[in-house]
Protein backbone atom coordinates (compact mmCIF):
# COMPACT_ATOMS: atom_id res chain seq x y z
CA MET A 1 -30.25 32.07 9.06
CA ASN A 2 -28.95 29.82 12.08
CA ALA A 3 -25.43 28.42 12.13
CA ALA A 4 -26.35 24.94 10.80
CA SER A 5 -27.83 26.27 7.59
CA LEU A 6 -24.84 28.52 6.76
CA PRO A 7 -22.99 27.40 3.68
CA GLY A 8 -19.76 26.71 5.23
CA SER A 9 -21.10 25.26 8.76
CA GLN A 10 -18.95 22.54 10.32
CA HIS A 11 -16.07 22.99 7.78
CA LEU A 12 -12.72 23.95 9.25
CA VAL A 13 -10.40 26.60 6.88
CA LEU A 14 -6.78 26.91 7.84
CA LEU A 15 -6.09 30.43 6.78
CA VAL A 16 -2.28 31.17 6.29
CA ASP A 17 -1.07 34.80 5.75
CA ASP A 18 1.39 37.13 7.10
CA LEU A 19 -0.61 40.33 6.71
CA PRO A 20 -2.88 41.13 9.58
CA ASP A 21 -5.24 43.21 7.48
CA ASN A 22 -5.83 40.06 5.11
CA LEU A 23 -6.26 37.69 8.08
CA LYS A 24 -9.10 40.00 9.69
CA MET A 25 -10.88 40.30 6.42
CA LEU A 26 -11.08 36.85 5.60
CA SER A 27 -11.49 35.75 9.18
CA ASP A 28 -14.42 37.83 9.40
CA ALA A 29 -16.00 36.83 5.96
CA LEU A 30 -15.41 33.00 6.91
CA ASP A 31 -16.87 33.41 10.22
CA ALA A 32 -20.15 35.13 8.74
CA ALA A 33 -20.44 32.35 6.28
CA GLY A 34 -20.48 29.59 8.89
CA TYR A 35 -16.64 28.45 8.75
CA ARG A 36 -14.45 27.58 11.77
CA VAL A 37 -11.20 29.38 11.25
CA LEU A 38 -7.70 28.27 12.16
CA VAL A 39 -5.09 30.94 11.72
CA ALA A 40 -1.38 30.93 11.02
CA THR A 41 1.11 33.88 10.19
CA ASP A 42 3.66 31.83 8.50
CA GLY A 43 4.43 28.51 6.78
CA GLN A 44 6.15 26.80 9.62
CA SER A 45 3.26 27.51 12.28
CA ALA A 46 0.78 26.27 9.47
CA LEU A 47 2.59 22.94 9.28
CA ALA A 48 2.93 22.74 13.05
CA ARG A 49 -0.88 23.09 13.43
CA LEU A 50 -1.35 20.00 11.12
CA ASP A 51 0.13 17.74 13.70
CA TYR A 52 -2.68 18.39 16.14
CA VAL A 53 -5.75 19.20 13.52
CA THR A 54 -6.64 18.40 10.06
CA PRO A 55 -8.55 21.20 8.34
CA ASP A 56 -11.10 20.72 5.59
CA ILE A 57 -9.39 23.13 3.37
CA VAL A 58 -6.41 25.65 3.38
CA LEU A 59 -6.31 29.30 2.09
CA LEU A 60 -2.38 29.77 1.71
CA ASP A 61 -0.51 32.94 0.92
CA ALA A 62 2.08 32.38 -1.83
CA LEU A 63 4.23 35.19 -0.89
CA MET A 64 5.55 34.99 2.90
CA PRO A 65 8.74 35.52 4.57
CA GLY A 66 10.80 32.56 5.52
CA LEU A 67 9.07 29.47 4.12
CA ASP A 68 7.08 30.63 1.24
CA GLY A 69 3.66 29.34 0.09
CA PHE A 70 4.89 27.02 -2.45
CA GLU A 71 7.18 25.12 -0.17
CA THR A 72 4.78 25.13 2.65
CA CYS A 73 2.07 23.61 0.27
CA ARG A 74 4.64 20.87 -0.81
CA ARG A 75 5.30 19.89 2.78
CA MET A 76 1.46 20.08 3.42
CA LYS A 77 1.02 17.41 0.70
CA ALA A 78 3.82 15.25 2.25
CA HIS A 79 2.09 15.30 5.63
CA PRO A 80 0.91 11.95 6.64
CA ARG A 81 -2.58 13.04 8.10
CA ALA A 82 -3.09 16.22 5.74
CA GLY A 83 -1.77 15.33 2.48
CA HIS A 84 -5.38 14.97 1.05
CA VAL A 85 -6.44 18.35 2.10
CA PRO A 86 -7.18 20.83 -0.75
CA VAL A 87 -4.90 23.97 -0.87
CA VAL A 88 -6.20 27.23 -2.48
CA PHE A 89 -3.54 29.79 -2.99
CA MET A 90 -3.94 33.42 -2.42
CA THR A 91 -1.41 35.49 -4.62
CA GLY A 92 -0.85 38.83 -6.42
CA LEU A 93 1.37 36.84 -8.94
CA ALA A 94 -0.84 36.26 -11.77
CA GLU A 95 1.80 35.33 -14.45
CA PRO A 96 1.23 31.96 -15.99
CA GLN A 97 4.67 30.68 -14.58
CA HIS A 98 3.43 31.60 -11.01
CA VAL A 99 0.24 29.79 -11.42
CA VAL A 100 1.87 26.73 -12.74
CA ARG A 101 4.22 26.93 -9.88
CA GLY A 102 1.45 26.70 -7.63
CA PHE A 103 -0.44 23.86 -9.19
CA GLU A 104 3.02 21.92 -9.36
CA ALA A 105 3.33 22.52 -5.44
CA GLY A 106 -0.07 20.78 -5.12
CA GLY A 107 -2.59 23.69 -5.12
CA ILE A 108 -6.01 22.99 -6.39
CA ASP A 109 -6.80 26.49 -7.10
CA TYR A 110 -5.81 30.25 -6.67
CA VAL A 111 -7.41 33.74 -6.08
CA THR A 112 -5.69 36.79 -6.90
CA LYS A 113 -4.94 39.76 -4.66
CA PRO A 114 -6.62 42.16 -4.02
CA LEU A 115 -9.13 39.63 -2.55
CA ASP A 116 -12.72 39.77 -3.31
CA THR A 117 -14.22 37.71 -0.06
CA GLY A 118 -17.34 36.72 -2.28
CA VAL A 119 -15.10 35.02 -4.72
CA VAL A 120 -13.10 33.38 -2.13
CA LEU A 121 -16.08 32.05 -0.45
CA ALA A 122 -17.44 30.83 -4.02
CA ARG A 123 -14.07 29.02 -4.69
CA LEU A 124 -14.07 27.36 -1.12
CA GLY A 125 -17.48 26.01 -1.36
CA ALA A 126 -17.05 24.69 -5.00
CA HIS A 127 -13.82 22.79 -3.78
CA LEU A 128 -15.36 21.50 -0.67
CA ARG A 129 -18.23 20.04 -2.46
CA SER A 130 -15.89 18.52 -5.13
CA HIS A 131 -13.86 17.14 -2.19
CA ARG A 132 -16.75 15.70 -0.45
CA VAL A 133 -17.82 13.97 -3.64
CA MET A 134 -14.36 12.44 -4.07
CA ALA A 135 -14.29 11.31 -0.45
CA ALA A 136 -17.61 9.76 -0.57
CA ALA A 137 -16.48 7.82 -3.64
CA GLU A 138 -13.34 6.55 -1.91
CA ASP A 139 -15.53 5.53 0.97
CA ALA A 140 -17.67 3.63 -1.38
CA ILE A 141 -14.67 1.79 -2.64
CA ASP A 142 -13.47 0.76 0.68
CA ALA A 143 -16.88 -0.35 1.71
CA VAL A 144 -16.90 -2.97 -1.09
CA ALA A 145 -13.52 -4.10 0.17
CA SER A 146 -11.55 -3.30 -3.02
CA ALA A 147 -7.75 -2.97 -2.75
CA VAL A 148 -6.79 -0.19 -5.27
CA ILE A 149 -3.94 2.23 -5.67
CA VAL A 150 -4.01 5.15 -8.18
CA LEU A 151 -0.75 5.98 -9.55
CA ASP A 152 0.48 9.12 -11.26
CA ALA A 153 2.47 8.76 -14.64
CA ARG A 154 5.76 8.17 -12.63
CA GLY A 155 4.32 5.23 -10.73
CA HIS A 156 3.98 7.06 -7.45
CA ALA A 157 0.86 6.81 -5.51
CA ILE A 158 -1.89 9.39 -5.35
CA TRP A 159 -4.46 7.79 -3.15
CA MET A 160 -5.18 4.30 -2.04
CA THR A 161 -7.91 2.37 -0.44
CA ALA A 162 -8.00 1.49 3.37
CA ARG A 163 -7.79 -2.07 2.52
CA ALA A 164 -4.75 -1.55 0.04
CA ARG A 165 -3.17 0.45 2.87
CA GLY A 166 -3.66 -2.23 5.36
CA TRP A 167 -2.17 -5.11 3.09
CA LEU A 168 0.80 -2.96 2.35
CA ALA A 169 1.31 -2.46 6.02
CA ALA A 170 0.75 -6.31 7.01
CA TYR A 171 3.03 -7.63 4.11
CA TYR A 172 5.60 -4.90 3.73
CA GLY A 173 5.70 -3.12 7.05
CA ALA A 174 4.64 0.00 5.38
CA SER A 175 3.25 2.94 7.18
CA ALA A 176 -0.58 2.75 7.48
CA ASP A 177 -0.87 6.63 7.75
CA ASP A 178 0.24 7.86 4.42
CA ASN A 179 0.38 6.99 0.72
CA ALA A 180 4.02 6.26 0.34
CA LEU A 181 4.64 2.81 -1.22
CA PRO A 182 7.19 0.46 0.29
CA PRO A 183 10.46 0.79 -1.47
CA PRO A 184 10.49 -2.85 -2.88
CA VAL A 185 7.03 -2.08 -4.54
CA GLN A 186 8.23 1.43 -5.83
CA ASP A 187 11.23 -0.22 -7.48
CA TRP A 188 9.01 -2.89 -8.92
CA ILE A 189 6.74 -0.42 -10.41
CA SER A 190 9.64 1.65 -12.00
CA GLY A 191 10.80 -1.50 -13.62
CA CYS A 192 7.55 -2.32 -14.93
CA LEU A 193 7.19 1.04 -16.40
CA ARG A 194 10.41 0.76 -18.21
CA LYS A 195 9.72 -2.59 -19.69
CA GLY A 196 6.04 -2.08 -20.32
CA LEU A 197 2.96 -3.19 -18.64
CA ASP A 198 2.63 -6.27 -20.85
CA SER A 199 5.83 -7.86 -19.29
CA ALA A 200 5.28 -10.92 -17.25
CA ALA A 201 7.34 -9.35 -14.76
CA CYS A 202 4.58 -6.90 -13.91
CA THR A 203 3.04 -9.06 -11.14
CA LEU A 204 4.30 -9.08 -7.84
CA GLN A 205 3.74 -11.40 -4.94
CA ALA A 206 4.44 -11.33 -1.20
CA ALA A 207 3.82 -14.36 0.94
CA GLY A 208 2.59 -14.19 4.54
CA PRO A 209 2.21 -17.00 7.03
CA THR A 210 -1.46 -18.21 5.60
CA HIS A 211 -1.96 -16.06 2.50
CA VAL A 212 -0.25 -14.65 -0.56
CA LEU A 213 -0.71 -10.91 -1.74
CA SER A 214 -0.70 -10.23 -5.49
CA LEU A 215 -0.06 -6.89 -7.02
CA ARG A 216 -0.74 -5.98 -10.59
CA LEU A 217 -0.26 -2.82 -12.62
CA ALA A 218 -3.12 -2.08 -14.98
CA GLN A 219 -4.29 0.82 -17.36
CA ARG A 220 -7.75 2.18 -17.68
CA PRO A 221 -8.37 4.24 -20.83
CA ARG A 222 -9.89 7.42 -20.25
CA VAL A 223 -11.72 9.46 -22.97
CA GLY A 224 -9.90 12.56 -24.15
CA GLY A 225 -7.06 11.91 -21.66
CA HIS A 226 -4.20 9.89 -20.69
CA ASP A 227 -4.87 6.38 -19.38
CA GLU A 228 -5.15 5.99 -15.67
CA LEU A 229 -2.40 3.89 -14.00
CA MET A 230 -3.62 1.71 -11.23
CA LEU A 231 -2.26 -0.95 -8.93
CA LEU A 232 -4.50 -3.76 -8.25
CA LEU A 233 -4.20 -5.82 -5.08
CA GLU A 234 -5.61 -9.35 -4.27
CA GLU A 235 -4.94 -11.53 -1.26
CA ARG A 236 -5.74 -15.37 -1.47
CA PRO A 237 -4.97 -18.26 0.92
CA LEU A 238 -1.99 -20.28 0.54
CA PRO A 239 -2.70 -23.77 -0.75
CA GLU A 240 -2.69 -25.98 2.22
CA ASP A 241 0.07 -28.68 2.68
CA PRO A 242 -1.67 -32.08 1.86
CA ARG A 243 0.03 -33.58 5.05
CA THR A 244 -1.47 -30.91 7.20
CA GLY A 245 -4.86 -31.74 5.81
CA LEU A 246 -4.41 -35.50 6.40
CA ALA A 247 -3.14 -35.09 9.96
CA ARG A 248 -6.14 -32.81 10.54
CA ALA A 249 -8.63 -35.18 8.94
CA TYR A 250 -7.52 -38.08 11.29
CA HIS A 251 -6.35 -36.24 14.17
CA LEU A 252 -2.89 -37.57 13.78
CA THR A 253 0.14 -36.36 16.06
CA ALA A 254 3.15 -34.99 14.41
CA ARG A 255 5.12 -38.17 15.10
CA GLU A 256 2.28 -40.39 13.86
CA MET A 257 2.22 -38.49 10.68
CA ASP A 258 5.95 -38.98 10.25
CA VAL A 259 5.63 -42.88 10.63
CA LEU A 260 2.52 -42.92 8.17
CA LEU A 261 4.50 -40.90 5.65
CA TRP A 262 7.36 -43.45 5.75
CA LEU A 263 5.04 -46.33 5.78
CA SER A 264 3.28 -45.00 2.53
CA ARG A 265 6.64 -44.90 0.88
CA GLY A 266 7.21 -48.58 1.74
CA LYS A 267 9.50 -48.53 4.59
CA THR A 268 9.47 -51.45 7.04
CA ASN A 269 9.00 -50.79 10.77
CA ARG A 270 12.76 -51.30 11.43
CA ASP A 271 13.56 -48.96 8.44
CA ILE A 272 10.91 -46.21 10.15
CA SER A 273 12.64 -46.73 13.52
CA GLU A 274 16.18 -45.89 12.14
CA ILE A 275 14.89 -43.14 10.23
CA LEU A 276 13.16 -41.18 12.97
CA GLY A 277 15.41 -42.36 15.67
CA ILE A 278 12.93 -44.28 17.67
CA SER A 279 12.88 -47.92 18.91
CA PRO A 280 11.05 -50.65 16.85
CA ARG A 281 8.81 -51.12 19.79
CA THR A 282 7.64 -47.37 19.69
CA ALA A 283 7.25 -47.41 15.89
CA ASN A 284 4.71 -50.37 16.49
CA LYS A 285 3.00 -48.44 19.03
CA HIS A 286 2.47 -45.59 16.74
CA LEU A 287 1.38 -47.80 13.89
CA GLU A 288 -1.30 -49.23 16.34
CA HIS A 289 -2.68 -45.64 16.94
CA ILE A 290 -2.47 -44.80 13.19
CA PHE A 291 -4.68 -47.98 12.29
CA VAL A 292 -7.26 -47.27 14.76
CA LYS A 293 -7.49 -43.48 13.67
CA LEU A 294 -7.67 -44.35 10.01
CA GLY A 295 -10.18 -47.20 10.53
CA VAL A 296 -8.03 -49.89 8.88
CA GLU A 297 -6.35 -53.03 9.64
CA THR A 298 -3.36 -53.62 7.55
CA ARG A 299 -0.26 -51.49 6.54
CA ALA A 300 -1.28 -51.87 2.87
CA ALA A 301 -4.80 -50.19 3.79
CA ALA A 302 -3.13 -47.37 5.70
CA ALA A 303 -0.43 -46.85 2.81
CA SER A 304 -3.17 -46.75 0.26
CA LEU A 305 -5.38 -44.25 2.14
CA ALA A 306 -2.45 -41.98 2.91
CA THR A 307 -1.61 -41.87 -0.84
CA ARG A 308 -4.98 -41.14 -1.92
CA HIS A 309 -5.29 -38.17 0.54
CA LEU A 310 -1.77 -36.70 -0.34
CA HIS A 311 -2.46 -36.95 -4.07
CA GLY A 312 -5.86 -35.11 -3.79
CA GLY A 313 -8.32 -37.89 -3.17
CA GLY A 314 -9.11 -36.55 0.13
CA ARG A 315 -10.94 -38.45 3.06
CA THR A 316 -13.10 -41.47 2.13
CA ASP A 317 -15.59 -42.55 4.78
């Protein structure tokens, strides 16, 4: 069997254990199964390695001097680039409270000591396959440009699509490297959960220069379990100012647009010159240019055309 056909080929395992015998036994078994292995002998050095490389899975000893495995796992889950990496605990602690503690820290599974390398390899293979399926599903959602954030029961983000992360960064200045929600969004979610999702306050909007971002909390029922809490994001263009559309349609300058607006409100040339702080002669010149651009000959026709356009009639040729 060549290396490319081995079960663990191309997968990188971060192996964290303070016992040399365990490191050697597991390193040899993983290497023989086609895995690439990165070793750390304590929690701090394991975390330091995540700043330079992202493993596919972590095998983590629960009991180590200094920073124990539970705290190491919690910090891994908070890491901006490695928070998604599955962690499998290795421990001689089989009591329920210790197992629960491992899952609460963010672990996905545990194997008990003394270690059976066959069991360890089987568990790794199963979790890597599941992780690959989940990653493919997330990529598929990203591919259709959906903006979705999945939340836990407290309203904290579990994962989000790339588009959702990008919009949060654009509208709120949030980091594009992790799943942390911006404080205004997190506070709004907490308020919605207190009031109930049917509250009218459970839609949040943020305006940008040309678009507005809408955020809406939703629940999707799940058979046999708790409802799934999601944050749905949608970006829409801001309505265009009718005056901008009128100016663009007839190639009017900003000053010509000012003159035309006051003309449409029934102001005389003298009124317009005083309002805009220009001479009557200059106001007349602007009107001459406006008539040419609008294709009209009278003040009444210019005022009528401007009024129709500003109230939704659009350009009439």
